[in-house]
Structures are given as structure tokens and as C-alpha cells.
Amino acid sequence: MSVSQNGDRSEVLLAIQDYFGCGTLRPDRSDLTLKWETRRLSSILSVVIPHFRDYPLQSGKRRDFELFAEICERMARGEHRSPDGLRAIVRMAGDMNPSATRGYTPERILRDLASR
């Protein structure tokens, strides 16, 4: 999970980091922004997801968040460790942010998984 801002707005990201009590700040060289991110599943499950369930997003990102939360909950249950569970998670992730540019399409990932 991440939030990006122009580098001159780092105080916003520091406030987010302080609010959630987790995550790190790092430069994102791909678009020259500064990014707050947390990758620790336990922090996402215990802090970030409950926040956005209490204060739902009011945009199209709400659907993406719900898919993200479901994926995280499935991973916490270990479902990504089975072939069927991993395929389901890949499909869900592919439904998120459909306008995004991806390094690997869900179709390619699923095809590569099938060939193993």
C-alpha cells in the first residue's frame, strides 16, 4: 500500500506515517515523487484496512480497496500457498485498477503458473 506526493509535500507523507504508525518514506524514481508505503501484511491487516473500513473511500478506488483487503485477508489465511488460491488472488489483483500499466498481465501470470 502506498501514497505518493511531490517531494516538496513530504510533510503530508510524514503525517500519514505518523497517523498509521507504520511504513517508510522513499523516493520513487519512476515519477520523481516521494512515497509512503507499507508492505508488512500484519500492519496492513491491523492498521490500514480497519481505517479504510471505518472511513470508506468515496471514489472509484473503494472497489479496488475492497479487492486489496480481500487479497490481504486471503494471504493471511495462507491461500496464496496453494495453486488454486494463488490463481484466485491473481485474478482478483487483475481486476484492480484496470487502467494501470502492468509489467505482467494476469493472463500471463496465470499461463506461467499453468505451465509449472
C-alpha atoms as a PDB file:
ATOM      1  CA  MET A   1       0.000   0.000   0.000  1.00  0.00           C
ATOM      2  CA  SER A   2       1.413   3.382  -0.919  1.00  0.00           C
ATOM      3  CA  VAL A   3       0.693   7.093  -1.221  1.00  0.00           C
ATOM      4  CA  SER A   4       2.750   9.403  -3.441  1.00  0.00           C
ATOM      5  CA  GLN A   5       3.303  13.145  -3.330  1.00  0.00           C
ATOM      6  CA  ASN A   6       5.669  15.584  -4.948  1.00  0.00           C
ATOM      7  CA  GLY A   7       8.845  15.812  -2.903  1.00  0.00           C
ATOM      8  CA  ASP A   8       8.004  19.311  -1.671  1.00  0.00           C
ATOM      9  CA  ARG A   9       4.952  17.892   0.130  1.00  0.00           C
ATOM     10  CA  SER A  10       6.797  15.425   2.330  1.00  0.00           C
ATOM     11  CA  GLU A  11       5.000  16.746   5.415  1.00  0.00           C
ATOM     12  CA  VAL A  12       1.795  15.108   4.158  1.00  0.00           C
ATOM     13  CA  LEU A  13       3.529  11.743   3.916  1.00  0.00           C
ATOM     14  CA  LEU A  14       5.178  12.187   7.313  1.00  0.00           C
ATOM     15  CA  ALA A  15       1.735  12.899   8.789  1.00  0.00           C
ATOM     16  CA  ILE A  16       0.373   9.709   7.177  1.00  0.00           C
ATOM     17  CA  GLN A  17       3.298   7.706   8.535  1.00  0.00           C
ATOM     18  CA  ASP A  18       2.748   9.181  11.993  1.00  0.00           C
ATOM     19  CA  TYR A  19      -1.015   8.548  11.855  1.00  0.00           C
ATOM     20  CA  PHE A  20      -0.728   4.896  10.869  1.00  0.00           C
ATOM     21  CA  GLY A  21       2.408   4.259  12.925  1.00  0.00           C
ATOM     22  CA  CYS A  22       3.975   2.125  10.209  1.00  0.00           C
ATOM     23  CA  GLY A  23       5.586   2.285   6.818  1.00  0.00           C
ATOM     24  CA  THR A  24       8.549   4.089   5.341  1.00  0.00           C
ATOM     25  CA  LEU A  25       9.205   7.031   3.050  1.00  0.00           C
ATOM     26  CA  ARG A  26      11.266   6.558  -0.083  1.00  0.00           C
ATOM     27  CA  PRO A  27      11.876   8.354  -3.364  1.00  0.00           C
ATOM     28  CA  ASP A  28      10.091   6.880  -6.364  1.00  0.00           C
ATOM     29  CA  ARG A  29      12.488   7.347  -9.229  1.00  0.00           C
ATOM     30  CA  SER A  30       9.913   6.277 -11.825  1.00  0.00           C
ATOM     31  CA  ASP A  31       7.916   9.501 -11.438  1.00  0.00           C
ATOM     32  CA  LEU A  32      10.206  11.620  -9.220  1.00  0.00           C
ATOM     33  CA  THR A  33       7.795  11.636  -6.289  1.00  0.00           C
ATOM     34  CA  LEU A  34       8.174  10.728  -2.654  1.00  0.00           C
ATOM     35  CA  LYS A  35       6.221   7.711  -1.476  1.00  0.00           C
ATOM     36  CA  TRP A  36       4.941   6.466   1.884  1.00  0.00           C
ATOM     37  CA  GLU A  37       4.451   2.738   1.761  1.00  0.00           C
ATOM     38  CA  THR A  38       3.860  -0.194   3.995  1.00  0.00           C
ATOM     39  CA  ARG A  39       4.399  -3.723   2.786  1.00  0.00           C
ATOM     40  CA  ARG A  40       4.129  -5.570   6.077  1.00  0.00           C
ATOM     41  CA  LEU A  41       0.994  -7.680   5.859  1.00  0.00           C
ATOM     42  CA  SER A  42       0.442  -7.513   9.621  1.00  0.00           C
ATOM     43  CA  SER A  43       0.401  -3.686   9.529  1.00  0.00           C
ATOM     44  CA  ILE A  44      -1.908  -3.630   6.541  1.00  0.00           C
ATOM     45  CA  LEU A  45      -4.324  -6.033   8.253  1.00  0.00           C
ATOM     46  CA  SER A  46      -4.229  -4.494  11.716  1.00  0.00           C
ATOM     47  CA  VAL A  47      -3.998  -0.768  10.913  1.00  0.00           C
ATOM     48  CA  VAL A  48      -4.628   0.224   7.304  1.00  0.00           C
ATOM     49  CA  ILE A  49      -7.580  -1.981   6.388  1.00  0.00           C
ATOM     50  CA  PRO A  50      -9.509  -1.214   9.606  1.00  0.00           C
ATOM     51  CA  HIS A  51      -9.012   2.533   8.983  1.00  0.00           C
ATOM     52  CA  PHE A  52     -10.489   2.346   5.489  1.00  0.00           C
ATOM     53  CA  ARG A  53     -13.325   0.125   6.683  1.00  0.00           C
ATOM     54  CA  ASP A  54     -14.154   2.776   9.310  1.00  0.00           C
ATOM     55  CA  TYR A  55     -13.655   5.644   6.832  1.00  0.00           C
ATOM     56  CA  PRO A  56     -14.528   4.264   3.371  1.00  0.00           C
ATOM     57  CA  LEU A  57     -13.072   5.841   0.264  1.00  0.00           C
ATOM     58  CA  GLN A  58     -15.580   7.989  -1.610  1.00  0.00           C
ATOM     59  CA  SER A  59     -14.291   7.317  -5.116  1.00  0.00           C
ATOM     60  CA  GLY A  60     -13.793   4.507  -7.596  1.00  0.00           C
ATOM     61  CA  LYS A  61     -10.798   3.453  -5.510  1.00  0.00           C
ATOM     62  CA  ARG A  62     -13.254   1.993  -2.987  1.00  0.00           C
ATOM     63  CA  ARG A  63     -13.777  -1.104  -5.150  1.00  0.00           C
ATOM     64  CA  ASP A  64     -10.009  -1.510  -5.567  1.00  0.00           C
ATOM     65  CA  PHE A  65      -9.590  -1.220  -1.807  1.00  0.00           C
ATOM     66  CA  GLU A  66     -12.139  -3.953  -1.157  1.00  0.00           C
ATOM     67  CA  LEU A  67     -10.329  -6.272  -3.582  1.00  0.00           C
ATOM     68  CA  PHE A  68      -6.995  -5.365  -1.961  1.00  0.00           C
ATOM     69  CA  ALA A  69      -8.393  -6.083   1.516  1.00  0.00           C
ATOM     70  CA  GLU A  70      -9.782  -9.443   0.373  1.00  0.00           C
ATOM     71  CA  ILE A  71      -6.425 -10.387  -1.158  1.00  0.00           C
ATOM     72  CA  CYS A  72      -4.604  -9.485   2.072  1.00  0.00           C
ATOM     73  CA  GLU A  73      -7.075 -11.491   4.155  1.00  0.00           C
ATOM     74  CA  ARG A  74      -6.654 -14.499   1.848  1.00  0.00           C
ATOM     75  CA  MET A  75      -2.885 -14.221   2.124  1.00  0.00           C
ATOM     76  CA  ALA A  76      -3.144 -14.072   5.933  1.00  0.00           C
ATOM     77  CA  ARG A  77      -5.009 -17.383   5.733  1.00  0.00           C
ATOM     78  CA  GLY A  78      -2.214 -18.784   3.559  1.00  0.00           C
ATOM     79  CA  GLU A  79      -4.373 -19.202   0.461  1.00  0.00           C
ATOM     80  CA  HIS A  80      -1.587 -17.890  -1.786  1.00  0.00           C
ATOM     81  CA  ARG A  81       0.408 -21.020  -0.953  1.00  0.00           C
ATOM     82  CA  SER A  82      -1.875 -23.319  -2.958  1.00  0.00           C
ATOM     83  CA  PRO A  83      -2.092 -23.210  -6.754  1.00  0.00           C
ATOM     84  CA  ASP A  84      -5.866 -22.616  -6.741  1.00  0.00           C
ATOM     85  CA  GLY A  85      -5.598 -19.932  -4.074  1.00  0.00           C
ATOM     86  CA  LEU A  86      -2.798 -18.157  -5.919  1.00  0.00           C
ATOM     87  CA  ARG A  87      -4.749 -18.223  -9.183  1.00  0.00           C
ATOM     88  CA  ALA A  88      -7.783 -16.704  -7.446  1.00  0.00           C
ATOM     89  CA  ILE A  89      -5.620 -13.945  -5.957  1.00  0.00           C
ATOM     90  CA  VAL A  90      -4.014 -13.201  -9.339  1.00  0.00           C
ATOM     91  CA  ARG A  91      -7.478 -12.859 -10.906  1.00  0.00           C
ATOM     92  CA  MET A  92      -8.615 -10.520  -8.125  1.00  0.00           C
ATOM     93  CA  ALA A  93      -5.476  -8.397  -8.440  1.00  0.00           C
ATOM     94  CA  GLY A  94      -6.050  -8.194 -12.187  1.00  0.00           C
ATOM     95  CA  ASP A  95      -9.468  -6.653 -11.543  1.00  0.00           C
ATOM     96  CA  MET A  96      -7.895  -3.820  -9.549  1.00  0.00           C
ATOM     97  CA  ASN A  97      -7.052  -0.510 -11.226  1.00  0.00           C
ATOM     98  CA  PRO A  98      -7.810  -1.649 -14.780  1.00  0.00           C
ATOM     99  CA  SER A  99      -6.177   1.432 -16.345  1.00  0.00           C
ATOM    100  CA  ALA A 100      -2.788   0.687 -14.751  1.00  0.00           C
ATOM    101  CA  THR A 101       0.234  -0.290 -16.761  1.00  0.00           C
ATOM    102  CA  ARG A 102       1.463  -3.680 -15.595  1.00  0.00           C
ATOM    103  CA  GLY A 103       4.787  -5.388 -16.006  1.00  0.00           C
ATOM    104  CA  TYR A 104       2.991  -8.742 -16.226  1.00  0.00           C
ATOM    105  CA  THR A 105      -0.647  -9.205 -17.130  1.00  0.00           C
ATOM    106  CA  PRO A 106      -2.804 -11.511 -15.015  1.00  0.00           C
ATOM    107  CA  GLU A 107      -3.257 -13.679 -18.106  1.00  0.00           C
ATOM    108  CA  ARG A 108       0.496 -14.118 -18.474  1.00  0.00           C
ATOM    109  CA  ILE A 109       0.929 -14.903 -14.787  1.00  0.00           C
ATOM    110  CA  LEU A 110      -1.864 -17.486 -14.923  1.00  0.00           C
ATOM    111  CA  ARG A 111      -0.396 -19.010 -18.093  1.00  0.00           C
ATOM    112  CA  ASP A 112       3.048 -19.215 -16.456  1.00  0.00           C
ATOM    113  CA  LEU A 113       1.523 -20.824 -13.354  1.00  0.00           C
ATOM    114  CA  ALA A 114      -0.275 -23.392 -15.500  1.00  0.00           C
ATOM    115  CA  SER A 115       2.976 -24.413 -17.182  1.00  0.00           C
ATOM    116  CA  ARG A 116       4.615 -25.360 -13.878  1.00  0.00           C
END
